[in-house]
Amino acid sequence: MSFWKRFLGKDGRDELRDLWHATVGTSREPEWYADCGVKDSVEGRFDMIALVMSLVMLRMEKSEELAPKTALLTELFVEDMDRQLRDTGVGDLSVGKNMGKLMSAIGGRMGSLRENLTESDAKLAEILQRNMTLNNDEAKPFALAVRTRALHNDLQAVDDAALMRGQLRPLEA
C-alpha cells in the first residue's frame, strides 16, 4: 500500500477500526481476569487480545465477504502491537523479532481454537490452560473455556454488518 493511501486512511483498515477496538475492549472485560483467572499482566492481556482476535478472525473466515478482510484486521493488530512495543522501550532492531513471536502466537491460538472449539468444555479448558497466562492460585480454566465458547457462539450469531461495526455479541431483545 502506498504511503499516501496509508496517510489518507484509504488502505481499507479504517473500516475495521471499530471491530479492532471492540476486540481489544472485549479482551479487557474484567470478567476474564476476575472470574476466569487470566493474569492481569502484560502477558495475560496479550493472551486475551490474541484469544478474542482469534475468535473474531475465525468468525470472519466463515463469511465470503469478511474472509479477505482478516488480513486488514491483522494489520491493525500489528500496527497496535508495534506501537505498544516501541512505547515500552523495545528498540527498532528487536521489534521485528518480537512481532514475529506475537504473530506466531496468534496463528497458534487460531489453529488450536479451530481444532478444539468442537471439543468439550473440559478439553477446551486444558488447551486454554496450556496457552494462556493464568493466575496460578486463581486459575479457572473451565470458567475460561465456558466464557470463550460463549463468545464464540455470540460471534456466530452476529451478522457481518454488525460485526464490522464492532458488535461482537447479539443485542439483547
Protein backbone atom coordinates (compact mmCIF):
# COMPACT_ATOMS: atom_id res chain seq x y z
CA MET A 1 0.00 0.00 0.00
CA SER A 2 1.40 3.43 -0.88
CA PHE A 3 2.40 5.96 1.74
CA TRP A 4 -0.33 8.35 0.61
CA LYS A 5 -3.10 5.78 0.84
CA ARG A 6 -1.99 4.90 4.37
CA PHE A 7 -1.55 8.57 5.27
CA LEU A 8 -5.02 9.44 4.00
CA GLY A 9 -6.54 6.38 5.66
CA LYS A 10 -7.67 4.79 2.41
CA ASP A 11 -5.97 1.44 2.74
CA GLY A 12 -9.07 -0.47 3.88
CA ARG A 13 -8.12 -0.71 7.53
CA ASP A 14 -10.34 2.21 8.56
CA GLU A 15 -13.50 0.18 8.03
CA LEU A 16 -12.14 -2.37 10.53
CA ARG A 17 -11.11 0.03 13.30
CA ASP A 18 -14.41 -0.32 15.17
CA LEU A 19 -14.01 -4.09 15.05
CA TRP A 20 -10.40 -3.84 16.26
CA HIS A 21 -11.39 -1.52 19.14
CA ALA A 22 -14.23 -3.87 20.10
CA THR A 23 -11.81 -6.81 20.02
CA VAL A 24 -9.43 -5.04 22.39
CA GLY A 25 -12.32 -3.83 24.56
CA THR A 26 -13.73 -7.34 24.84
CA SER A 27 -10.31 -8.69 25.79
CA ARG A 28 -10.18 -6.17 28.63
CA GLU A 29 -13.54 -7.10 30.16
CA PRO A 30 -12.92 -7.59 33.90
CA GLU A 31 -14.69 -10.96 33.95
CA TRP A 32 -11.86 -12.62 32.01
CA TYR A 33 -9.49 -11.70 34.82
CA ALA A 34 -11.74 -11.86 37.91
CA ASP A 35 -13.96 -14.82 37.00
CA CYS A 36 -11.69 -16.85 34.72
CA GLY A 37 -8.32 -16.35 36.40
CA VAL A 38 -6.48 -14.76 33.47
CA LYS A 39 -3.47 -12.98 34.92
CA ASP A 40 -3.82 -9.20 34.76
CA SER A 41 -0.33 -8.61 33.40
CA VAL A 42 1.17 -7.60 30.08
CA GLU A 43 1.37 -11.28 29.10
CA GLY A 44 -2.16 -12.05 30.28
CA ARG A 45 -3.63 -9.05 28.48
CA PHE A 46 -1.80 -10.01 25.29
CA ASP A 47 -3.12 -13.56 25.62
CA MET A 48 -6.64 -12.19 25.92
CA ILE A 49 -6.24 -9.97 22.85
CA ALA A 50 -4.88 -13.00 20.97
CA LEU A 51 -7.79 -15.16 22.14
CA VAL A 52 -10.53 -12.68 21.25
CA MET A 53 -8.87 -11.73 17.96
CA SER A 54 -8.57 -15.41 17.05
CA LEU A 55 -12.26 -15.94 17.71
CA VAL A 56 -13.14 -12.86 15.66
CA MET A 57 -10.94 -13.96 12.76
CA LEU A 58 -12.38 -17.48 12.82
CA ARG A 59 -15.82 -15.89 12.57
CA MET A 60 -14.67 -13.67 9.70
CA GLU A 61 -13.28 -16.70 7.84
CA LYS A 62 -16.80 -18.15 7.68
CA SER A 63 -18.03 -15.18 5.65
CA GLU A 64 -17.26 -14.83 1.97
CA GLU A 65 -17.36 -11.05 2.34
CA LEU A 66 -15.28 -10.79 5.52
CA ALA A 67 -12.70 -13.53 4.97
CA PRO A 68 -10.48 -11.35 2.75
CA LYS A 69 -10.54 -8.61 5.40
CA THR A 70 -8.83 -10.75 8.04
CA ALA A 71 -5.50 -9.53 6.66
CA LEU A 72 -6.54 -5.92 7.32
CA LEU A 73 -7.54 -6.77 10.89
CA THR A 74 -4.16 -8.43 11.31
CA GLU A 75 -2.50 -5.24 10.06
CA LEU A 76 -4.33 -3.25 12.74
CA PHE A 77 -3.09 -5.74 15.33
CA VAL A 78 0.48 -5.40 14.04
CA GLU A 79 0.23 -1.60 13.99
CA ASP A 80 -1.04 -1.51 17.57
CA MET A 81 1.44 -4.07 18.92
CA ASP A 82 4.34 -2.35 17.13
CA ARG A 83 3.39 0.93 18.80
CA GLN A 84 2.99 -0.79 22.18
CA LEU A 85 6.42 -2.42 21.90
CA ARG A 86 8.08 0.85 20.96
CA ASP A 87 6.27 2.69 23.78
CA THR A 88 7.66 0.19 26.28
CA GLY A 89 11.20 0.82 25.04
CA VAL A 90 11.77 -2.10 22.68
CA GLY A 91 14.38 -0.97 20.17
CA ASP A 92 13.98 -0.92 16.40
CA LEU A 93 16.21 -3.96 15.96
CA SER A 94 14.10 -6.09 18.31
CA VAL A 95 10.63 -5.00 17.19
CA GLY A 96 10.59 -7.28 14.13
CA LYS A 97 11.68 -10.32 16.13
CA ASN A 98 9.07 -9.59 18.80
CA MET A 99 6.36 -9.07 16.18
CA GLY A 100 7.24 -12.44 14.66
CA LYS A 101 6.69 -14.09 18.05
CA LEU A 102 3.39 -12.27 18.54
CA MET A 103 2.12 -13.27 15.09
CA SER A 104 3.18 -16.85 15.74
CA ALA A 105 1.16 -16.77 18.97
CA ILE A 106 -1.92 -15.56 17.08
CA GLY A 107 -1.50 -18.25 14.42
CA GLY A 108 -1.04 -20.94 17.04
CA ARG A 109 -4.06 -19.76 19.00
CA MET A 110 -6.23 -19.73 15.88
CA GLY A 111 -5.13 -23.23 14.89
CA SER A 112 -5.74 -24.57 18.37
CA LEU A 113 -9.20 -23.00 18.57
CA ARG A 114 -10.12 -24.09 15.05
CA GLU A 115 -9.34 -27.69 16.00
CA ASN A 116 -10.79 -27.69 19.51
CA LEU A 117 -13.89 -25.49 19.64
CA THR A 118 -15.95 -28.55 18.81
CA GLU A 119 -14.47 -30.44 21.79
CA SER A 120 -15.94 -30.48 25.29
CA ASP A 121 -15.50 -27.55 27.66
CA ALA A 122 -13.14 -29.74 29.71
CA LYS A 123 -10.88 -30.34 26.67
CA LEU A 124 -11.03 -26.66 25.72
CA ALA A 125 -10.10 -25.80 29.33
CA GLU A 126 -6.98 -27.99 29.06
CA ILE A 127 -5.91 -26.24 25.88
CA LEU A 128 -6.54 -22.77 27.27
CA GLN A 129 -4.67 -23.62 30.47
CA ARG A 130 -1.62 -24.53 28.37
CA ASN A 131 -1.86 -21.45 26.13
CA MET A 132 -2.93 -18.65 28.47
CA THR A 133 -1.18 -16.76 31.24
CA LEU A 134 -3.31 -17.59 34.26
CA ASN A 135 -3.05 -16.72 37.93
CA ASN A 136 -1.52 -19.84 39.47
CA ASP A 137 -3.60 -19.71 42.63
CA GLU A 138 -6.75 -18.37 40.97
CA ALA A 139 -6.69 -20.19 37.64
CA LYS A 140 -10.14 -21.18 36.48
CA PRO A 141 -9.57 -22.79 33.08
CA PHE A 142 -13.03 -24.37 32.97
CA ALA A 143 -14.68 -20.97 33.53
CA LEU A 144 -12.37 -19.54 30.84
CA ALA A 145 -13.42 -22.30 28.43
CA VAL A 146 -17.13 -21.71 29.09
CA ARG A 147 -16.73 -17.94 28.58
CA THR A 148 -14.59 -18.48 25.45
CA ARG A 149 -17.21 -20.79 23.95
CA ALA A 150 -19.97 -18.31 24.81
CA LEU A 151 -18.10 -15.55 22.97
CA HIS A 152 -17.53 -17.89 20.03
CA ASN A 153 -21.26 -18.68 19.91
CA ASP A 154 -22.15 -14.99 20.23
CA LEU A 155 -19.87 -14.15 17.32
CA GLN A 156 -21.61 -16.78 15.18
CA ALA A 157 -24.97 -15.11 15.91
CA VAL A 158 -23.85 -11.63 14.81
CA ASP A 159 -24.32 -10.72 11.15
CA ASP A 160 -21.45 -9.39 9.05
CA ALA A 161 -22.56 -5.74 9.09
CA ALA A 162 -22.94 -5.72 12.87
CA LEU A 163 -19.54 -7.37 13.29
CA MET A 164 -17.92 -4.71 11.10
CA ARG A 165 -19.49 -2.07 13.35
CA GLY A 166 -17.74 -3.70 16.29
CA GLN A 167 -20.66 -5.66 17.69
CA LEU A 168 -19.24 -8.93 18.99
CA ARG A 169 -22.37 -10.11 20.75
CA PRO A 170 -26.01 -10.12 19.66
CA LEU A 171 -28.09 -7.27 21.01
CA GLU A 172 -30.38 -8.19 23.87
CA ALA A 173 -34.03 -8.47 22.81
